[in-house]
């Protein structure tokens, strides 16, 4: 996984370009196809990404404006997010696509320009530009998967999944907290097999609480794009087992996720 901002931004661009390739050739009617996210069409998915890119752009360049936007969201975050996606989905598809493209490009430039050592404001805690870029990649991958599932496209997994897995691991305590539970005190060991057979690991090797599986399945689980019953991810230890039931890599309230067997 790239350990510098330039490398993460390159991966973010590649992730966005891959999703762009899925939607750019769709007829207007195709943007209205319902996705696995209840109530969301393909247009909703792209509108949501465009909206969150804009929020990240504010966080990078205008923290006061970002904080004002957060105050508006705080009252009812779920309703606000859904409403923003619904509003964006009413745009003509070519216009929405162009807006998303402009936002992606502007955000990459803004993140690259943030002075070293600066922490950008975000919903739950400030982030570095590199963490912000990683989070945008995670969300682009997850919402891109919703689009791919809708279109019946199987996207080959790439090494960019390590960014998604990294956020999933780092968000362990948040997943417990947002579900009203005390995070475990002890460390976890997470061992994943990357798309080309790479061994990816987080946490001390001697940890009693352990998670193992393929990187793709772990990413599907922590973005709540597949039910736990449908992924090849195993837990050793009660705390690790409890985590896999509630794991989430994204900010915000827990989602409904996907039903067992929904994707065969």
Foldseek 3Di string as FASTA:
>chain_A
DDPDQVVLLVLLVVLLVVLCVLPVPDDQVQQQQDFLPPPHGVQLLLQLLLVVLVLLLCLLPPQVVNVVVLVVCVVPVVVVSSVSSVVRSVDRPVVSSVSSVVSSVSSSVSLVPRDPPDFTDDNPGTHRSSLVSLQSSLSSNLSSVRSCVSVVHDDQFDPNLVSLVVLLQVCLQVLQVLVVHGQDPFWEWEWEQESVRDTDIDTDPPGQKYKYYHSVLSSCQQCLQAAPVPGGMDIGDPNNVVSSNRTHSDDDHGDPGGDHPPPD
